[in-house]
Amino acid sequence: MVRVNRVAMQSVAQGINKCLSEILVCPLTKQPLRYCEKTDSLISDQIGVSFPIVDGIPHLVPKDGKILEDDESSTSNPSVKSSAAKDV
């Protein structure tokens, strides 16, 4: 059992593997998340929120998410606009 956990943690530390990325969804929208290598985080493109990965563990608690700025979300996926960032 411990051996399996080490293998899983190593693959997460190197990036989210395909199987895990298919299972994880945004805790707010229940839509798939995208892995960003640059920030080592999982991004919900639908609402423009980034969830950090700390020590290989995705932190998917809504309070841990950070709202992305317009320029960050537009460069990562230009077809998706952030509904979280609104003009004031």
PDB file of N, CA and C in Angstrom:
ATOM      1  N   MET A   1       0.822  -1.195   0.000  1.00  0.00           N
ATOM      2  CA  MET A   1       0.000   0.000   0.000  1.00  0.00           C
ATOM      3  C   MET A   1       0.866   1.260   0.000  1.00  0.00           C
ATOM      4  N   VAL A   2       1.904   1.269   0.813  1.00  0.00           N
ATOM      5  CA  VAL A   2       2.780   2.426   0.872  1.00  0.00           C
ATOM      6  C   VAL A   2       3.496   2.611  -0.464  1.00  0.00           C
ATOM      7  N   ARG A   3       3.864   1.523  -1.097  1.00  0.00           N
ATOM      8  CA  ARG A   3       4.566   1.594  -2.372  1.00  0.00           C
ATOM      9  C   ARG A   3       3.700   2.250  -3.445  1.00  0.00           C
ATOM     10  N   VAL A   4       2.437   1.921  -3.488  1.00  0.00           N
ATOM     11  CA  VAL A   4       1.523   2.520  -4.451  1.00  0.00           C
ATOM     12  C   VAL A   4       1.403   4.019  -4.208  1.00  0.00           C
ATOM     13  N   ASN A   5       1.317   4.429  -2.971  1.00  0.00           N
ATOM     14  CA  ASN A   5       1.210   5.855  -2.654  1.00  0.00           C
ATOM     15  C   ASN A   5       2.458   6.615  -3.085  1.00  0.00           C
ATOM     16  N   ARG A   6       3.633   6.031  -2.919  1.00  0.00           N
ATOM     17  CA  ARG A   6       4.869   6.688  -3.348  1.00  0.00           C
ATOM     18  C   ARG A   6       4.883   6.885  -4.849  1.00  0.00           C
ATOM     19  N   VAL A   7       4.459   5.867  -5.576  1.00  0.00           N
ATOM     20  CA  VAL A   7       4.421   5.955  -7.030  1.00  0.00           C
ATOM     21  C   VAL A   7       3.436   7.031  -7.460  1.00  0.00           C
ATOM     22  N   ALA A   8       2.273   7.063  -6.838  1.00  0.00           N
ATOM     23  CA  ALA A   8       1.268   8.074  -7.167  1.00  0.00           C
ATOM     24  C   ALA A   8       1.782   9.472  -6.842  1.00  0.00           C
ATOM     25  N   MET A   9       2.429   9.630  -5.713  1.00  0.00           N
ATOM     26  CA  MET A   9       2.945  10.944  -5.323  1.00  0.00           C
ATOM     27  C   MET A   9       4.057  11.401  -6.262  1.00  0.00           C
ATOM     28  N   GLN A  10       4.899  10.482  -6.728  1.00  0.00           N
ATOM     29  CA  GLN A  10       5.958  10.856  -7.657  1.00  0.00           C
ATOM     30  C   GLN A  10       5.381  11.325  -8.973  1.00  0.00           C
ATOM     31  N   SER A  11       4.336  10.661  -9.456  1.00  0.00           N
ATOM     32  CA  SER A  11       3.746  11.074 -10.725  1.00  0.00           C
ATOM     33  C   SER A  11       3.039  12.417 -10.581  1.00  0.00           C
ATOM     34  N   VAL A  12       2.444  12.690  -9.426  1.00  0.00           N
ATOM     35  CA  VAL A  12       1.796  13.981  -9.207  1.00  0.00           C
ATOM     36  C   VAL A  12       2.838  15.075  -9.085  1.00  0.00           C
ATOM     37  N   ALA A  13       3.952  14.777  -8.423  1.00  0.00           N
ATOM     38  CA  ALA A  13       5.007  15.773  -8.274  1.00  0.00           C
ATOM     39  C   ALA A  13       5.598  16.161  -9.628  1.00  0.00           C
ATOM     40  N   GLN A  14       5.607  15.239 -10.577  1.00  0.00           N
ATOM     41  CA  GLN A  14       6.132  15.530 -11.907  1.00  0.00           C
ATOM     42  C   GLN A  14       5.058  16.148 -12.791  1.00  0.00           C
ATOM     43  N   GLY A  15       3.878  16.270 -12.321  1.00  0.00           N
ATOM     44  CA  GLY A  15       2.760  16.782 -13.099  1.00  0.00           C
ATOM     45  C   GLY A  15       1.596  15.821 -12.952  1.00  0.00           C
ATOM     46  N   ILE A  16       0.431  16.325 -13.168  1.00  0.00           N
ATOM     47  CA  ILE A  16      -0.758  15.499 -13.030  1.00  0.00           C
ATOM     48  C   ILE A  16      -0.789  14.489 -14.167  1.00  0.00           C
ATOM     49  N   ASN A  17      -0.854  13.200 -13.813  1.00  0.00           N
ATOM     50  CA  ASN A  17      -0.901  12.194 -14.868  1.00  0.00           C
ATOM     51  C   ASN A  17      -2.286  12.174 -15.517  1.00  0.00           C
ATOM     52  N   LYS A  18      -2.389  11.516 -16.644  1.00  0.00           N
ATOM     53  CA  LYS A  18      -3.613  11.549 -17.444  1.00  0.00           C
ATOM     54  C   LYS A  18      -4.809  10.990 -16.685  1.00  0.00           C
ATOM     55  N   CYS A  19      -4.639   9.883 -15.982  1.00  0.00           N
ATOM     56  CA  CYS A  19      -5.742   9.258 -15.254  1.00  0.00           C
ATOM     57  C   CYS A  19      -6.281  10.199 -14.174  1.00  0.00           C
ATOM     58  N   LEU A  20      -5.381  10.809 -13.420  1.00  0.00           N
ATOM     59  CA  LEU A  20      -5.790  11.707 -12.353  1.00  0.00           C
ATOM     60  C   LEU A  20      -6.440  12.964 -12.908  1.00  0.00           C
ATOM     61  N   SER A  21      -5.934  13.472 -14.010  1.00  0.00           N
ATOM     62  CA  SER A  21      -6.510  14.683 -14.583  1.00  0.00           C
ATOM     63  C   SER A  21      -7.915  14.440 -15.133  1.00  0.00           C
ATOM     64  N   GLU A  22      -8.227  13.192 -15.495  1.00  0.00           N
ATOM     65  CA  GLU A  22      -9.574  12.877 -15.964  1.00  0.00           C
ATOM     66  C   GLU A  22     -10.567  12.795 -14.812  1.00  0.00           C
ATOM     67  N   ILE A  23     -10.081  12.509 -13.615  1.00  0.00           N
ATOM     68  CA  ILE A  23     -10.949  12.356 -12.449  1.00  0.00           C
ATOM     69  C   ILE A  23     -11.212  13.689 -11.757  1.00  0.00           C
ATOM     70  N   LEU A  24     -10.183  14.537 -11.643  1.00  0.00           N
ATOM     71  CA  LEU A  24     -10.312  15.786 -10.904  1.00  0.00           C
ATOM     72  C   LEU A  24     -11.180  16.791 -11.648  1.00  0.00           C
ATOM     73  N   VAL A  25     -12.079  17.427 -10.904  1.00  0.00           N
ATOM     74  CA  VAL A  25     -12.931  18.473 -11.465  1.00  0.00           C
ATOM     75  C   VAL A  25     -12.926  19.673 -10.531  1.00  0.00           C
ATOM     76  N   CYS A  26     -13.352  20.799 -11.040  1.00  0.00           N
ATOM     77  CA  CYS A  26     -13.447  22.014 -10.241  1.00  0.00           C
ATOM     78  C   CYS A  26     -14.481  21.797  -9.132  1.00  0.00           C
ATOM     79  N   PRO A  27     -14.149  22.153  -7.889  1.00  0.00           N
ATOM     80  CA  PRO A  27     -15.104  21.960  -6.798  1.00  0.00           C
ATOM     81  C   PRO A  27     -16.317  22.897  -6.889  1.00  0.00           C
ATOM     82  N   LEU A  28     -16.204  23.951  -7.677  1.00  0.00           N
ATOM     83  CA  LEU A  28     -17.308  24.908  -7.798  1.00  0.00           C
ATOM     84  C   LEU A  28     -18.205  24.624  -8.997  1.00  0.00           C
ATOM     85  N   THR A  29     -17.609  24.321 -10.142  1.00  0.00           N
ATOM     86  CA  THR A  29     -18.395  24.139 -11.367  1.00  0.00           C
ATOM     87  C   THR A  29     -18.566  22.685 -11.773  1.00  0.00           C
ATOM     88  N   LYS A  30     -17.777  21.804 -11.185  1.00  0.00           N
ATOM     89  CA  LYS A  30     -17.772  20.373 -11.526  1.00  0.00           C
ATOM     90  C   LYS A  30     -17.350  20.122 -12.972  1.00  0.00           C
ATOM     91  N   GLN A  31     -16.609  21.067 -13.562  1.00  0.00           N
ATOM     92  CA  GLN A  31     -16.076  20.937 -14.912  1.00  0.00           C
ATOM     93  C   GLN A  31     -14.609  20.498 -14.837  1.00  0.00           C
ATOM     94  N   PRO A  32     -14.083  19.902 -15.907  1.00  0.00           N
ATOM     95  CA  PRO A  32     -12.685  19.448 -15.890  1.00  0.00           C
ATOM     96  C   PRO A  32     -11.699  20.588 -15.637  1.00  0.00           C
ATOM     97  N   LEU A  33     -10.582  20.243 -15.015  1.00  0.00           N
ATOM     98  CA  LEU A  33      -9.515  21.197 -14.738  1.00  0.00           C
ATOM     99  C   LEU A  33      -8.374  20.986 -15.716  1.00  0.00           C
ATOM    100  N   ARG A  34      -7.641  22.048 -15.979  1.00  0.00           N
ATOM    101  CA  ARG A  34      -6.488  21.999 -16.871  1.00  0.00           C
ATOM    102  C   ARG A  34      -5.232  22.205 -16.037  1.00  0.00           C
ATOM    103  N   TYR A  35      -4.194  21.380 -16.280  1.00  0.00           N
ATOM    104  CA  TYR A  35      -2.945  21.511 -15.551  1.00  0.00           C
ATOM    105  C   TYR A  35      -2.066  22.559 -16.219  1.00  0.00           C
ATOM    106  N   CYS A  36      -1.524  23.485 -15.429  1.00  0.00           N
ATOM    107  CA  CYS A  36      -0.627  24.520 -15.928  1.00  0.00           C
ATOM    108  C   CYS A  36       0.773  24.234 -15.373  1.00  0.00           C
ATOM    109  N   GLU A  37       1.694  23.890 -16.266  1.00  0.00           N
ATOM    110  CA  GLU A  37       3.067  23.591 -15.843  1.00  0.00           C
ATOM    111  C   GLU A  37       3.779  24.833 -15.328  1.00  0.00           C
ATOM    112  N   LYS A  38       3.474  25.979 -15.912  1.00  0.00           N
ATOM    113  CA  LYS A  38       4.147  27.228 -15.548  1.00  0.00           C
ATOM    114  C   LYS A  38       3.923  27.582 -14.075  1.00  0.00           C
ATOM    115  N   THR A  39       2.690  27.452 -13.602  1.00  0.00           N
ATOM    116  CA  THR A  39       2.359  27.815 -12.222  1.00  0.00           C
ATOM    117  C   THR A  39       2.197  26.607 -11.317  1.00  0.00           C
ATOM    118  N   ASP A  40       2.328  25.396 -11.876  1.00  0.00           N
ATOM    119  CA  ASP A  40       2.118  24.150 -11.139  1.00  0.00           C
ATOM    120  C   ASP A  40       0.787  24.207 -10.391  1.00  0.00           C
ATOM    121  N   SER A  41      -0.263  24.409 -11.161  1.00  0.00           N
ATOM    122  CA  SER A  41      -1.594  24.507 -10.575  1.00  0.00           C
ATOM    123  C   SER A  41      -2.627  23.916 -11.522  1.00  0.00           C
ATOM    124  N   LEU A  42      -3.822  23.725 -11.000  1.00  0.00           N
ATOM    125  CA  LEU A  42      -4.948  23.261 -11.800  1.00  0.00           C
ATOM    126  C   LEU A  42      -5.863  24.455 -12.037  1.00  0.00           C
ATOM    127  N   ILE A  43      -6.266  24.651 -13.274  1.00  0.00           N
ATOM    128  CA  ILE A  43      -7.031  25.841 -13.633  1.00  0.00           C
ATOM    129  C   ILE A  43      -8.418  25.460 -14.118  1.00  0.00           C
ATOM    130  N   SER A  44      -9.408  26.153 -13.578  1.00  0.00           N
ATOM    131  CA  SER A  44     -10.780  26.031 -14.050  1.00  0.00           C
ATOM    132  C   SER A  44     -11.001  27.165 -15.037  1.00  0.00           C
ATOM    133  N   ASP A  45     -10.980  26.832 -16.330  1.00  0.00           N
ATOM    134  CA  ASP A  45     -11.133  27.855 -17.367  1.00  0.00           C
ATOM    135  C   ASP A  45     -12.520  28.487 -17.356  1.00  0.00           C
ATOM    136  N   GLN A  46     -13.516  27.754 -16.928  1.00  0.00           N
ATOM    137  CA  GLN A  46     -14.884  28.263 -16.970  1.00  0.00           C
ATOM    138  C   GLN A  46     -15.078  29.469 -16.050  1.00  0.00           C
ATOM    139  N   ILE A  47     -14.460  29.453 -14.869  1.00  0.00           N
ATOM    140  CA  ILE A  47     -14.620  30.573 -13.940  1.00  0.00           C
ATOM    141  C   ILE A  47     -13.342  31.364 -13.720  1.00  0.00           C
ATOM    142  N   GLY A  48     -12.235  30.911 -14.308  1.00  0.00           N
ATOM    143  CA  GLY A  48     -10.980  31.644 -14.192  1.00  0.00           C
ATOM    144  C   GLY A  48     -10.356  31.584 -12.814  1.00  0.00           C
ATOM    145  N   VAL A  49     -10.327  30.373 -12.229  1.00  0.00           N
ATOM    146  CA  VAL A  49      -9.747  30.196 -10.904  1.00  0.00           C
ATOM    147  C   VAL A  49      -8.630  29.161 -10.995  1.00  0.00           C
ATOM    148  N   SER A  50      -7.531  29.437 -10.277  1.00  0.00           N
ATOM    149  CA  SER A  50      -6.376  28.555 -10.239  1.00  0.00           C
ATOM    150  C   SER A  50      -6.276  27.919  -8.854  1.00  0.00           C
ATOM    151  N   PHE A  51      -6.155  26.588  -8.821  1.00  0.00           N
ATOM    152  CA  PHE A  51      -6.007  25.859  -7.567  1.00  0.00           C
ATOM    153  C   PHE A  51      -4.573  25.342  -7.482  1.00  0.00           C
ATOM    154  N   PRO A  52      -3.844  25.653  -6.397  1.00  0.00           N
ATOM    155  CA  PRO A  52      -2.430  25.274  -6.305  1.00  0.00           C
ATOM    156  C   PRO A  52      -2.222  23.786  -6.063  1.00  0.00           C
ATOM    157  N   ILE A  53      -1.046  23.304  -6.441  1.00  0.00           N
ATOM    158  CA  ILE A  53      -0.601  21.957  -6.110  1.00  0.00           C
ATOM    159  C   ILE A  53       0.595  22.133  -5.191  1.00  0.00           C
ATOM    160  N   VAL A  54       0.455  21.710  -3.939  1.00  0.00           N
ATOM    161  CA  VAL A  54       1.498  21.881  -2.935  1.00  0.00           C
ATOM    162  C   VAL A  54       2.029  20.513  -2.533  1.00  0.00           C
ATOM    163  N   ASP A  55       3.318  20.311  -2.693  1.00  0.00           N
ATOM    164  CA  ASP A  55       3.970  19.032  -2.381  1.00  0.00           C
ATOM    165  C   ASP A  55       3.276  17.876  -3.090  1.00  0.00           C
ATOM    166  N   GLY A  56       2.830  18.096  -4.324  1.00  0.00           N
ATOM    167  CA  GLY A  56       2.201  17.052  -5.115  1.00  0.00           C
ATOM    168  C   GLY A  56       0.739  16.808  -4.797  1.00  0.00           C
ATOM    169  N   ILE A  57       0.158  17.626  -3.911  1.00  0.00           N
ATOM    170  CA  ILE A  57      -1.237  17.440  -3.515  1.00  0.00           C
ATOM    171  C   ILE A  57      -2.069  18.609  -4.029  1.00  0.00           C
ATOM    172  N   PRO A  58      -3.056  18.344  -4.889  1.00  0.00           N
ATOM    173  CA  PRO A  58      -3.923  19.430  -5.367  1.00  0.00           C
ATOM    174  C   PRO A  58      -4.796  19.957  -4.230  1.00  0.00           C
ATOM    175  N   HIS A  59      -4.795  21.265  -4.058  1.00  0.00           N
ATOM    176  CA  HIS A  59      -5.634  21.894  -3.038  1.00  0.00           C
ATOM    177  C   HIS A  59      -6.889  22.417  -3.729  1.00  0.00           C
ATOM    178  N   LEU A  60      -7.953  21.608  -3.686  1.00  0.00           N
ATOM    179  CA  LEU A  60      -9.182  21.942  -4.394  1.00  0.00           C
ATOM    180  C   LEU A  60     -10.264  22.496  -3.482  1.00  0.00           C
ATOM    181  N   VAL A  61      -9.879  23.030  -2.345  1.00  0.00           N
ATOM    182  CA  VAL A  61     -10.828  23.698  -1.460  1.00  0.00           C
ATOM    183  C   VAL A  61     -11.098  25.077  -2.059  1.00  0.00           C
ATOM    184  N   PRO A  62     -12.375  25.463  -2.201  1.00  0.00           N
ATOM    185  CA  PRO A  62     -12.661  26.751  -2.851  1.00  0.00           C
ATOM    186  C   PRO A  62     -11.898  27.939  -2.279  1.00  0.00           C
ATOM    187  N   LYS A  63     -11.647  27.967  -0.969  1.00  0.00           N
ATOM    188  CA  LYS A  63     -10.934  29.117  -0.389  1.00  0.00           C
ATOM    189  C   LYS A  63      -9.467  29.165  -0.807  1.00  0.00           C
ATOM    190  N   ASP A  64      -8.908  28.045  -1.280  1.00  0.00           N
ATOM    191  CA  ASP A  64      -7.521  28.004  -1.734  1.00  0.00           C
ATOM    192  C   ASP A  64      -7.360  28.497  -3.170  1.00  0.00           C
ATOM    193  N   GLY A  65      -8.454  28.580  -3.911  1.00  0.00           N
ATOM    194  CA  GLY A  65      -8.399  29.014  -5.305  1.00  0.00           C
ATOM    195  C   GLY A  65      -8.110  30.502  -5.413  1.00  0.00           C
ATOM    196  N   LYS A  66      -7.415  30.873  -6.483  1.00  0.00           N
ATOM    197  CA  LYS A  66      -7.094  32.279  -6.737  1.00  0.00           C
ATOM    198  C   LYS A  66      -7.686  32.678  -8.076  1.00  0.00           C
ATOM    199  N   ILE A  67      -8.335  33.822  -8.101  1.00  0.00           N
ATOM    200  CA  ILE A  67      -8.933  34.319  -9.338  1.00  0.00           C
ATOM    201  C   ILE A  67      -7.824  34.784 -10.264  1.00  0.00           C
ATOM    202  N   LEU A  68      -7.887  34.332 -11.504  1.00  0.00           N
ATOM    203  CA  LEU A  68      -6.889  34.720 -12.497  1.00  0.00           C
ATOM    204  C   LEU A  68      -7.218  36.092 -13.057  1.00  0.00           C
ATOM    205  N   GLU A  69      -6.181  36.826 -13.399  1.00  0.00           N
ATOM    206  CA  GLU A  69      -6.356  38.120 -14.049  1.00  0.00           C
ATOM    207  C   GLU A  69      -6.780  37.888 -15.488  1.00  0.00           C
ATOM    208  N   ASP A  70      -7.363  38.898 -16.133  1.00  0.00           N
ATOM    209  CA  ASP A  70      -7.820  38.770 -17.515  1.00  0.00           C
ATOM    210  C   ASP A  70      -6.706  38.378 -18.465  1.00  0.00           C
ATOM    211  N   ASP A  71      -5.513  38.972 -18.307  1.00  0.00           N
ATOM    212  CA  ASP A  71      -4.423  38.674 -19.228  1.00  0.00           C
ATOM    213  C   ASP A  71      -3.893  37.253 -19.062  1.00  0.00           C
ATOM    214  N   GLU A  72      -3.891  36.713 -17.839  1.00  0.00           N
ATOM    215  CA  GLU A  72      -3.436  35.343 -17.604  1.00  0.00           C
ATOM    216  C   GLU A  72      -4.384  34.332 -18.223  1.00  0.00           C
ATOM    217  N   SER A  73      -5.683  34.533 -18.029  1.00  0.00           N
ATOM    218  CA  SER A  73      -6.636  33.557 -18.545  1.00  0.00           C
ATOM    219  C   SER A  73      -6.773  33.652 -20.058  1.00  0.00           C
ATOM    220  N   SER A  74      -6.581  34.837 -20.621  1.00  0.00           N
ATOM    221  CA  SER A  74      -6.708  34.974 -22.067  1.00  0.00           C
ATOM    222  C   SER A  74      -5.503  34.384 -22.796  1.00  0.00           C
ATOM    223  N   THR A  75      -4.320  34.407 -22.167  1.00  0.00           N
ATOM    224  CA  THR A  75      -3.154  33.828 -22.821  1.00  0.00           C
ATOM    225  C   THR A  75      -3.160  32.319 -22.724  1.00  0.00           C
ATOM    226  N   SER A  76      -3.758  31.778 -21.670  1.00  0.00           N
ATOM    227  CA  SER A  76      -3.773  30.331 -21.527  1.00  0.00           C
ATOM    228  C   SER A  76      -4.807  29.682 -22.423  1.00  0.00           C
ATOM    229  N   ASN A  77      -5.941  30.308 -22.612  1.00  0.00           N
ATOM    230  CA  ASN A  77      -6.981  29.768 -23.468  1.00  0.00           C
ATOM    231  C   ASN A  77      -7.795  30.933 -24.006  1.00  0.00           C
ATOM    232  N   PRO A  78      -7.463  31.451 -25.175  1.00  0.00           N
ATOM    233  CA  PRO A  78      -8.095  32.657 -25.675  1.00  0.00           C
ATOM    234  C   PRO A  78      -9.579  32.524 -25.970  1.00  0.00           C
ATOM    235  N   SER A  79     -10.094  31.326 -26.147  1.00  0.00           N
ATOM    236  CA  SER A  79     -11.503  31.173 -26.468  1.00  0.00           C
ATOM    237  C   SER A  79     -12.397  31.224 -25.238  1.00  0.00           C
ATOM    238  N   VAL A  80     -11.808  31.108 -24.040  1.00  0.00           N
ATOM    239  CA  VAL A  80     -12.588  31.109 -22.809  1.00  0.00           C
ATOM    240  C   VAL A  80     -12.360  32.425 -22.091  1.00  0.00           C
ATOM    241  N   LYS A  81     -13.429  33.133 -21.800  1.00  0.00           N
ATOM    242  CA  LYS A  81     -13.318  34.381 -21.054  1.00  0.00           C
ATOM    243  C   LYS A  81     -13.674  34.135 -19.608  1.00  0.00           C
ATOM    244  N   SER A  82     -12.990  34.789 -18.700  1.00  0.00           N
ATOM    245  CA  SER A  82     -13.215  34.631 -17.278  1.00  0.00           C
ATOM    246  C   SER A  82     -14.473  35.360 -16.862  1.00  0.00           C
ATOM    247  N   SER A  83     -15.406  34.623 -16.277  1.00  0.00           N
ATOM    248  CA  SER A  83     -16.626  35.253 -15.774  1.00  0.00           C
ATOM    249  C   SER A  83     -16.410  35.785 -14.371  1.00  0.00           C
ATOM    250  N   ALA A  84     -15.308  35.376 -13.715  1.00  0.00           N
ATOM    251  CA  ALA A  84     -15.023  35.833 -12.372  1.00  0.00           C
ATOM    252  C   ALA A  84     -14.489  37.258 -12.356  1.00  0.00           C
ATOM    253  N   ALA A  85     -13.769  37.658 -13.396  1.00  0.00           N
ATOM    254  CA  ALA A  85     -13.218  39.002 -13.464  1.00  0.00           C
ATOM    255  C   ALA A  85     -14.181  39.871 -14.267  1.00  0.00           C
ATOM    256  N   LYS A  86     -14.750  40.862 -13.598  1.00  0.00           N
ATOM    257  CA  LYS A  86     -15.724  41.737 -14.241  1.00  0.00           C
ATOM    258  C   LYS A  86     -15.238  43.162 -14.215  1.00  0.00           C
ATOM    259  N   ASP A  87     -15.654  43.930 -15.201  1.00  0.00           N
ATOM    260  CA  ASP A  87     -15.297  45.352 -15.243  1.00  0.00           C
ATOM    261  C   ASP A  87     -15.986  46.079 -14.108  1.00  0.00           C
ATOM    262  N   VAL A  88     -15.266  46.973 -13.477  1.00  0.00           N
ATOM    263  CA  VAL A  88     -15.816  47.727 -12.351  1.00  0.00           C
ATOM    264  C   VAL A  88     -16.286  49.071 -12.818  1.00  0.00           C
TER     265      VAL A  88
END
